[in-house]
Structure formats: C-alpha cells, structure tokens
PDB file of N, CA and C in Angstrom:
ATOM      1  N   UNK A   1     -94.400 -20.222  -2.556  1.00  0.00           N
ATOM      2  CA  UNK A   1     -95.743 -20.693  -2.871  1.00  0.00           C
ATOM      3  C   UNK A   1     -95.901 -20.785  -4.390  1.00  0.00           C
ATOM      4  N   UNK A   2     -96.500 -21.854  -4.846  1.00  0.00           N
ATOM      5  CA  UNK A   2     -96.776 -22.032  -6.271  1.00  0.00           C
ATOM      6  C   UNK A   2     -98.135 -21.423  -6.574  1.00  0.00           C
ATOM      7  N   UNK A   3     -98.158 -20.537  -7.564  1.00  0.00           N
ATOM      8  CA  UNK A   3     -99.428 -19.955  -8.000  1.00  0.00           C
ATOM      9  C   UNK A   3     -99.835 -20.619  -9.310  1.00  0.00           C
ATOM     10  N   UNK A   4    -101.106 -20.933  -9.417  1.00  0.00           N
ATOM     11  CA  UNK A   4    -101.676 -21.514 -10.626  1.00  0.00           C
ATOM     12  C   UNK A   4    -102.758 -20.576 -11.124  1.00  0.00           C
ATOM     13  N   UNK A   5    -102.802 -20.329 -12.422  1.00  0.00           N
ATOM     14  CA  UNK A   5    -103.818 -19.454 -13.006  1.00  0.00           C
ATOM     15  C   UNK A   5    -105.195 -20.102 -12.873  1.00  0.00           C
ATOM     16  N   UNK A   6    -106.195 -19.297 -12.481  1.00  0.00           N
ATOM     17  CA  UNK A   6    -107.542 -19.824 -12.249  1.00  0.00           C
ATOM     18  C   UNK A   6    -108.453 -19.777 -13.474  1.00  0.00           C
ATOM     19  N   UNK A   7    -107.992 -19.235 -14.596  1.00  0.00           N
ATOM     20  CA  UNK A   7    -108.832 -19.138 -15.791  1.00  0.00           C
ATOM     21  C   UNK A   7    -109.130 -20.547 -16.314  1.00  0.00           C
ATOM     22  N   UNK A   8    -110.386 -20.768 -16.667  1.00  0.00           N
ATOM     23  CA  UNK A   8    -110.804 -22.075 -17.174  1.00  0.00           C
ATOM     24  C   UNK A   8    -109.931 -22.491 -18.352  1.00  0.00           C
ATOM     25  N   UNK A   9    -109.335 -23.668 -18.249  1.00  0.00           N
ATOM     26  CA  UNK A   9    -108.520 -24.214 -19.328  1.00  0.00           C
ATOM     27  C   UNK A   9    -107.056 -23.798 -19.304  1.00  0.00           C
ATOM     28  N   UNK A  10    -106.677 -22.842 -18.461  1.00  0.00           N
ATOM     29  CA  UNK A  10    -105.281 -22.393 -18.398  1.00  0.00           C
ATOM     30  C   UNK A  10    -104.523 -23.273 -17.408  1.00  0.00           C
ATOM     31  N   UNK A  11    -103.352 -23.713 -17.799  1.00  0.00           N
ATOM     32  CA  UNK A  11    -102.546 -24.569 -16.938  1.00  0.00           C
ATOM     33  C   UNK A  11    -101.240 -23.893 -16.511  1.00  0.00           C
ATOM     34  N   UNK A  12    -101.155 -22.580 -16.677  1.00  0.00           N
ATOM     35  CA  UNK A  12     -99.930 -21.874 -16.308  1.00  0.00           C
ATOM     36  C   UNK A  12     -99.726 -21.855 -14.804  1.00  0.00           C
ATOM     37  N   UNK A  13     -98.473 -22.071 -14.417  1.00  0.00           N
ATOM     38  CA  UNK A  13     -98.094 -22.080 -13.002  1.00  0.00           C
ATOM     39  C   UNK A  13     -96.839 -21.236 -12.833  1.00  0.00           C
ATOM     40  N   UNK A  14     -96.701 -20.633 -11.653  1.00  0.00           N
ATOM     41  CA  UNK A  14     -95.466 -19.912 -11.334  1.00  0.00           C
ATOM     42  C   UNK A  14     -94.446 -20.945 -10.890  1.00  0.00           C
ATOM     43  N   UNK A  15     -93.408 -21.059 -11.689  1.00  0.00           N
ATOM     44  CA  UNK A  15     -92.322 -21.980 -11.384  1.00  0.00           C
ATOM     45  C   UNK A  15     -91.011 -21.196 -11.480  1.00  0.00           C
ATOM     46  N   UNK A  16     -89.936 -21.702 -10.899  1.00  0.00           N
ATOM     47  CA  UNK A  16     -88.656 -20.992 -10.988  1.00  0.00           C
ATOM     48  C   UNK A  16     -88.277 -20.719 -12.443  1.00  0.00           C
ATOM     49  N   UNK A  17     -87.920 -19.493 -12.723  1.00  0.00           N
ATOM     50  CA  UNK A  17     -87.506 -19.116 -14.069  1.00  0.00           C
ATOM     51  C   UNK A  17     -88.627 -18.700 -15.002  1.00  0.00           C
ATOM     52  N   UNK A  18     -89.879 -18.778 -14.554  1.00  0.00           N
ATOM     53  CA  UNK A  18     -90.986 -18.397 -15.435  1.00  0.00           C
ATOM     54  C   UNK A  18     -90.949 -16.899 -15.737  1.00  0.00           C
ATOM     55  N   UNK A  19     -91.365 -16.539 -16.915  1.00  0.00           N
ATOM     56  CA  UNK A  19     -91.445 -15.135 -17.303  1.00  0.00           C
ATOM     57  C   UNK A  19     -92.857 -14.585 -17.120  1.00  0.00           C
ATOM     58  N   UNK A  20     -93.765 -15.436 -16.685  1.00  0.00           N
ATOM     59  CA  UNK A  20     -95.144 -15.005 -16.466  1.00  0.00           C
ATOM     60  C   UNK A  20     -95.270 -14.245 -15.148  1.00  0.00           C
ATOM     61  N   UNK A  21     -96.225 -13.321 -15.125  1.00  0.00           N
ATOM     62  CA  UNK A  21     -96.594 -12.646 -13.886  1.00  0.00           C
ATOM     63  C   UNK A  21     -97.945 -13.183 -13.456  1.00  0.00           C
ATOM     64  N   UNK A  22     -98.206 -13.153 -12.165  1.00  0.00           N
ATOM     65  CA  UNK A  22     -99.480 -13.620 -11.622  1.00  0.00           C
ATOM     66  C   UNK A  22    -100.088 -12.518 -10.778  1.00  0.00           C
ATOM     67  N   UNK A  23    -101.370 -12.233 -11.013  1.00  0.00           N
ATOM     68  CA  UNK A  23    -102.043 -11.096 -10.396  1.00  0.00           C
ATOM     69  C   UNK A  23    -103.178 -11.527  -9.481  1.00  0.00           C
ATOM     70  N   UNK A  24    -103.290 -10.841  -8.352  1.00  0.00           N
ATOM     71  CA  UNK A  24    -104.410 -11.043  -7.429  1.00  0.00           C
ATOM     72  C   UNK A  24    -105.650 -10.374  -7.999  1.00  0.00           C
ATOM     73  N   UNK A  25    -106.805 -10.805  -7.544  1.00  0.00           N
ATOM     74  CA  UNK A  25    -108.047 -10.164  -7.939  1.00  0.00           C
ATOM     75  C   UNK A  25    -108.137  -8.784  -7.294  1.00  0.00           C
ATOM     76  N   UNK A  26    -108.716  -7.815  -8.011  1.00  0.00           N
ATOM     77  CA  UNK A  26    -108.833  -6.470  -7.438  1.00  0.00           C
ATOM     78  C   UNK A  26    -109.747  -6.453  -6.216  1.00  0.00           C
ATOM     79  N   UNK A  27    -109.514  -5.511  -5.343  1.00  0.00           N
ATOM     80  CA  UNK A  27    -110.360  -5.357  -4.152  1.00  0.00           C
ATOM     81  C   UNK A  27    -111.644  -4.591  -4.474  1.00  0.00           C
ATOM     82  N   UNK A  28    -111.597  -3.744  -5.493  1.00  0.00           N
ATOM     83  CA  UNK A  28    -112.777  -2.986  -5.892  1.00  0.00           C
ATOM     84  C   UNK A  28    -113.858  -3.972  -6.335  1.00  0.00           C
ATOM     85  N   UNK A  29    -115.036  -3.954  -5.682  1.00  0.00           N
ATOM     86  CA  UNK A  29    -116.080  -4.958  -5.975  1.00  0.00           C
ATOM     87  C   UNK A  29    -116.526  -4.995  -7.438  1.00  0.00           C
ATOM     88  N   UNK A  30    -116.645  -3.859  -8.077  1.00  0.00           N
ATOM     89  CA  UNK A  30    -117.104  -3.827  -9.480  1.00  0.00           C
ATOM     90  C   UNK A  30    -116.064  -4.454 -10.409  1.00  0.00           C
ATOM     91  N   UNK A  31    -114.812  -4.077 -10.257  1.00  0.00           N
ATOM     92  CA  UNK A  31    -113.744  -4.662 -11.080  1.00  0.00           C
ATOM     93  C   UNK A  31    -113.595  -6.149 -10.792  1.00  0.00           C
ATOM     94  N   UNK A  32    -113.687  -6.507  -9.528  1.00  0.00           N
ATOM     95  CA  UNK A  32    -113.563  -7.909  -9.145  1.00  0.00           C
ATOM     96  C   UNK A  32    -114.630  -8.755  -9.827  1.00  0.00           C
ATOM     97  N   UNK A  33    -115.858  -8.281  -9.906  1.00  0.00           N
ATOM     98  CA  UNK A  33    -116.935  -9.022 -10.570  1.00  0.00           C
ATOM     99  C   UNK A  33    -116.664  -9.188 -12.060  1.00  0.00           C
ATOM    100  N   UNK A  34    -116.064  -8.181 -12.704  1.00  0.00           N
ATOM    101  CA  UNK A  34    -115.721  -8.307 -14.132  1.00  0.00           C
ATOM    102  C   UNK A  34    -114.649  -9.375 -14.334  1.00  0.00           C
ATOM    103  N   UNK A  35    -113.688  -9.428 -13.439  1.00  0.00           N
ATOM    104  CA  UNK A  35    -112.648 -10.449 -13.530  1.00  0.00           C
ATOM    105  C   UNK A  35    -113.252 -11.831 -13.332  1.00  0.00           C
ATOM    106  N   UNK A  36    -114.115 -11.971 -12.347  1.00  0.00           N
ATOM    107  CA  UNK A  36    -114.759 -13.263 -12.073  1.00  0.00           C
ATOM    108  C   UNK A  36    -115.540 -13.731 -13.306  1.00  0.00           C
ATOM    109  N   UNK A  37    -116.283 -12.827 -13.933  1.00  0.00           N
ATOM    110  CA  UNK A  37    -117.044 -13.175 -15.139  1.00  0.00           C
ATOM    111  C   UNK A  37    -116.111 -13.625 -16.261  1.00  0.00           C
ATOM    112  N   UNK A  38    -114.971 -12.962 -16.412  1.00  0.00           N
ATOM    113  CA  UNK A  38    -114.036 -13.297 -17.490  1.00  0.00           C
ATOM    114  C   UNK A  38    -113.317 -14.630 -17.254  1.00  0.00           C
ATOM    115  N   UNK A  39    -113.209 -15.057 -16.006  1.00  0.00           N
ATOM    116  CA  UNK A  39    -112.577 -16.342 -15.697  1.00  0.00           C
ATOM    117  C   UNK A  39    -113.389 -17.494 -16.275  1.00  0.00           C
ATOM    118  N   UNK A  40    -114.697 -17.293 -16.396  1.00  0.00           N
ATOM    119  CA  UNK A  40    -115.565 -18.251 -17.078  1.00  0.00           C
ATOM    120  C   UNK A  40    -115.650 -19.604 -16.361  1.00  0.00           C
ATOM    121  N   UNK A  41    -115.886 -19.554 -15.059  1.00  0.00           N
ATOM    122  CA  UNK A  41    -116.068 -20.780 -14.277  1.00  0.00           C
ATOM    123  C   UNK A  41    -117.340 -20.614 -13.463  1.00  0.00           C
ATOM    124  N   UNK A  42    -118.401 -21.242 -13.913  1.00  0.00           N
ATOM    125  CA  UNK A  42    -119.719 -21.098 -13.292  1.00  0.00           C
ATOM    126  C   UNK A  42    -119.710 -21.447 -11.810  1.00  0.00           C
ATOM    127  N   UNK A  43    -120.227 -20.534 -10.992  1.00  0.00           N
ATOM    128  CA  UNK A  43    -120.345 -20.750  -9.569  1.00  0.00           C
ATOM    129  C   UNK A  43    -119.047 -20.605  -8.781  1.00  0.00           C
ATOM    130  N   UNK A  44    -117.965 -20.254  -9.446  1.00  0.00           N
ATOM    131  CA  UNK A  44    -116.665 -20.149  -8.794  1.00  0.00           C
ATOM    132  C   UNK A  44    -116.517 -18.802  -8.092  1.00  0.00           C
ATOM    133  N   UNK A  45    -115.868 -18.803  -6.936  1.00  0.00           N
ATOM    134  CA  UNK A  45    -115.609 -17.587  -6.169  1.00  0.00           C
ATOM    135  C   UNK A  45    -114.121 -17.560  -5.823  1.00  0.00           C
ATOM    136  N   UNK A  46    -113.421 -16.449  -6.107  1.00  0.00           N
ATOM    137  CA  UNK A  46    -111.994 -16.400  -5.807  1.00  0.00           C
ATOM    138  C   UNK A  46    -111.727 -16.337  -4.307  1.00  0.00           C
ATOM    139  N   UNK A  47    -110.545 -16.819  -3.922  1.00  0.00           N
ATOM    140  CA  UNK A  47    -110.103 -16.681  -2.534  1.00  0.00           C
ATOM    141  C   UNK A  47    -108.808 -15.871  -2.528  1.00  0.00           C
ATOM    142  N   UNK A  48    -108.189 -15.729  -1.371  1.00  0.00           N
ATOM    143  CA  UNK A  48    -106.973 -14.908  -1.264  1.00  0.00           C
ATOM    144  C   UNK A  48    -105.818 -15.434  -2.113  1.00  0.00           C
ATOM    145  N   UNK A  49    -105.820 -16.716  -2.410  1.00  0.00           N
ATOM    146  CA  UNK A  49    -104.751 -17.306  -3.207  1.00  0.00           C
ATOM    147  C   UNK A  49    -105.020 -17.333  -4.701  1.00  0.00           C
ATOM    148  N   UNK A  50    -106.180 -16.896  -5.142  1.00  0.00           N
ATOM    149  CA  UNK A  50    -106.548 -16.938  -6.564  1.00  0.00           C
ATOM    150  C   UNK A  50    -105.721 -15.933  -7.367  1.00  0.00           C
ATOM    151  N   UNK A  51    -105.200 -16.399  -8.493  1.00  0.00           N
ATOM    152  CA  UNK A  51    -104.361 -15.556  -9.342  1.00  0.00           C
ATOM    153  C   UNK A  51    -104.725 -15.758 -10.810  1.00  0.00           C
ATOM    154  N   UNK A  52    -104.460 -14.712 -11.602  1.00  0.00           N
ATOM    155  CA  UNK A  52    -104.557 -14.764 -13.063  1.00  0.00           C
ATOM    156  C   UNK A  52    -103.156 -14.570 -13.612  1.00  0.00           C
ATOM    157  N   UNK A  53    -102.801 -15.299 -14.655  1.00  0.00           N
ATOM    158  CA  UNK A  53    -101.472 -15.116 -15.237  1.00  0.00           C
ATOM    159  C   UNK A  53    -101.508 -14.039 -16.324  1.00  0.00           C
ATOM    160  N   UNK A  54    -100.336 -13.546 -16.645  1.00  0.00           N
ATOM    161  CA  UNK A  54    -100.203 -12.420 -17.565  1.00  0.00           C
ATOM    162  C   UNK A  54    -100.600 -12.745 -19.005  1.00  0.00           C
ATOM    163  N   UNK A  55    -100.741 -14.020 -19.368  1.00  0.00           N
ATOM    164  CA  UNK A  55    -101.130 -14.338 -20.749  1.00  0.00           C
ATOM    165  C   UNK A  55    -102.555 -13.909 -21.065  1.00  0.00           C
ATOM    166  N   UNK A  56    -103.356 -13.595 -20.046  1.00  0.00           N
ATOM    167  CA  UNK A  56    -104.749 -13.214 -20.271  1.00  0.00           C
ATOM    168  C   UNK A  56    -104.963 -11.708 -20.374  1.00  0.00           C
ATOM    169  N   UNK A  57    -103.871 -10.973 -20.428  1.00  0.00           N
ATOM    170  CA  UNK A  57    -103.930  -9.523 -20.572  1.00  0.00           C
ATOM    171  C   UNK A  57    -103.287  -9.144 -21.895  1.00  0.00           C
ATOM    172  N   UNK A  58    -103.884  -8.199 -22.601  1.00  0.00           N
ATOM    173  CA  UNK A  58    -103.403  -7.814 -23.932  1.00  0.00           C
ATOM    174  C   UNK A  58    -101.922  -7.460 -23.912  1.00  0.00           C
ATOM    175  N   UNK A  59    -101.506  -6.661 -22.957  1.00  0.00           N
ATOM    176  CA  UNK A  59    -100.112  -6.238 -22.895  1.00  0.00           C
ATOM    177  C   UNK A  59     -99.244  -7.193 -22.087  1.00  0.00           C
ATOM    178  N   UNK A  60     -99.857  -8.193 -21.472  1.00  0.00           N
ATOM    179  CA  UNK A  60     -99.133  -9.080 -20.582  1.00  0.00           C
ATOM    180  C   UNK A  60     -99.039  -8.533 -19.172  1.00  0.00           C
ATOM    181  N   UNK A  61     -99.609  -7.343 -18.980  1.00  0.00           N
ATOM    182  CA  UNK A  61     -99.563  -6.709 -17.664  1.00  0.00           C
ATOM    183  C   UNK A  61    -100.960  -6.267 -17.255  1.00  0.00           C
ATOM    184  N   UNK A  62    -101.235  -6.348 -15.987  1.00  0.00           N
ATOM    185  CA  UNK A  62    -102.494  -5.896 -15.423  1.00  0.00           C
ATOM    186  C   UNK A  62    -102.425  -4.384 -15.268  1.00  0.00           C
ATOM    187  N   UNK A  63    -103.417  -3.662 -15.761  1.00  0.00           N
ATOM    188  CA  UNK A  63    -103.410  -2.211 -15.667  1.00  0.00           C
ATOM    189  C   UNK A  63    -104.726  -1.722 -15.095  1.00  0.00           C
ATOM    190  N   UNK A  64    -104.649  -0.672 -14.313  1.00  0.00           N
ATOM    191  CA  UNK A  64    -105.866  -0.028 -13.807  1.00  0.00           C
ATOM    192  C   UNK A  64    -106.354   0.945 -14.865  1.00  0.00           C
ATOM    193  N   UNK A  65    -107.588   0.827 -15.220  1.00  0.00           N
ATOM    194  CA  UNK A  65    -108.184   1.787 -16.142  1.00  0.00           C
ATOM    195  C   UNK A  65    -109.668   1.898 -15.835  1.00  0.00           C
ATOM    196  N   UNK A  66    -110.326   2.813 -16.519  1.00  0.00           N
ATOM    197  CA  UNK A  66    -111.736   3.073 -16.264  1.00  0.00           C
ATOM    198  C   UNK A  66    -112.597   1.844 -16.541  1.00  0.00           C
ATOM    199  N   UNK A  67    -112.256   1.076 -17.553  1.00  0.00           N
ATOM    200  CA  UNK A  67    -113.065  -0.078 -17.938  1.00  0.00           C
ATOM    201  C   UNK A  67    -112.751  -1.309 -17.092  1.00  0.00           C
ATOM    202  N   UNK A  68    -111.673  -1.289 -16.373  1.00  0.00           N
ATOM    203  CA  UNK A  68    -111.395  -2.405 -15.466  1.00  0.00           C
ATOM    204  C   UNK A  68    -110.276  -3.319 -15.901  1.00  0.00           C
ATOM    205  N   UNK A  69    -110.413  -3.978 -17.044  1.00  0.00           N
ATOM    206  CA  UNK A  69    -109.404  -4.966 -17.440  1.00  0.00           C
ATOM    207  C   UNK A  69    -109.408  -5.139 -18.954  1.00  0.00           C
ATOM    208  N   UNK A  70    -108.254  -5.325 -19.522  1.00  0.00           N
ATOM    209  CA  UNK A  70    -108.114  -5.566 -20.953  1.00  0.00           C
ATOM    210  C   UNK A  70    -107.693  -7.011 -21.146  1.00  0.00           C
ATOM    211  N   UNK A  71    -108.645  -7.866 -21.404  1.00  0.00           N
ATOM    212  CA  UNK A  71    -108.371  -9.294 -21.559  1.00  0.00           C
ATOM    213  C   UNK A  71    -107.866  -9.590 -22.958  1.00  0.00           C
ATOM    214  N   UNK A  72    -106.959 -10.531 -23.060  1.00  0.00           N
ATOM    215  CA  UNK A  72    -106.374 -10.894 -24.348  1.00  0.00           C
ATOM    216  C   UNK A  72    -107.413 -11.479 -25.294  1.00  0.00           C
ATOM    217  N   UNK A  73    -108.453 -12.112 -24.776  1.00  0.00           N
ATOM    218  CA  UNK A  73    -109.432 -12.735 -25.659  1.00  0.00           C
ATOM    219  C   UNK A  73    -110.600 -11.816 -25.978  1.00  0.00           C
ATOM    220  N   UNK A  74    -110.576 -10.592 -25.503  1.00  0.00           N
ATOM    221  CA  UNK A  74    -111.633  -9.615 -25.846  1.00  0.00           C
ATOM    222  C   UNK A  74    -111.172  -8.724 -26.958  1.00  0.00           C
TER     223      UNK A  74
END
C-alpha cells in the first residue's frame, strides 16, 4: 500500500527505498485532536489510512510524551 502524508502542502509518499517513516494518528482522543489541528486542513477528518511522514517531527520520529507531539514547525 502506498502511504501519502496528509499534512497540507506535503507531497511525501512511501515508495520503495524511501527513508521516510509514516505514522498513524494516535488513538488517544486528546492527542489525536492535536495532530488534526497541526495538519492544518479545515474540516478534514482522518481515516484509518491517514498518515503523517517523519519530516513533520523534530527528531524525524514520532514519540509519546506528555505534550503529545513535537512538530518540526513548532
């Protein structure tokens, strides 16, 4: 399956040989809402196939922490 990053303006896709990672939205409702807000797409709702690529995380990796998410643009 090809995954495409859902962040507004991002065109990253999972293709053979890519070094990017793609992450599912968290199941925790509070964290999930923070991710949705950061995606910056008005009225958009993620589905089971929605993914974010690693370029949007400061370390390039998704981490669980108290604040929820460390976005590269924050």
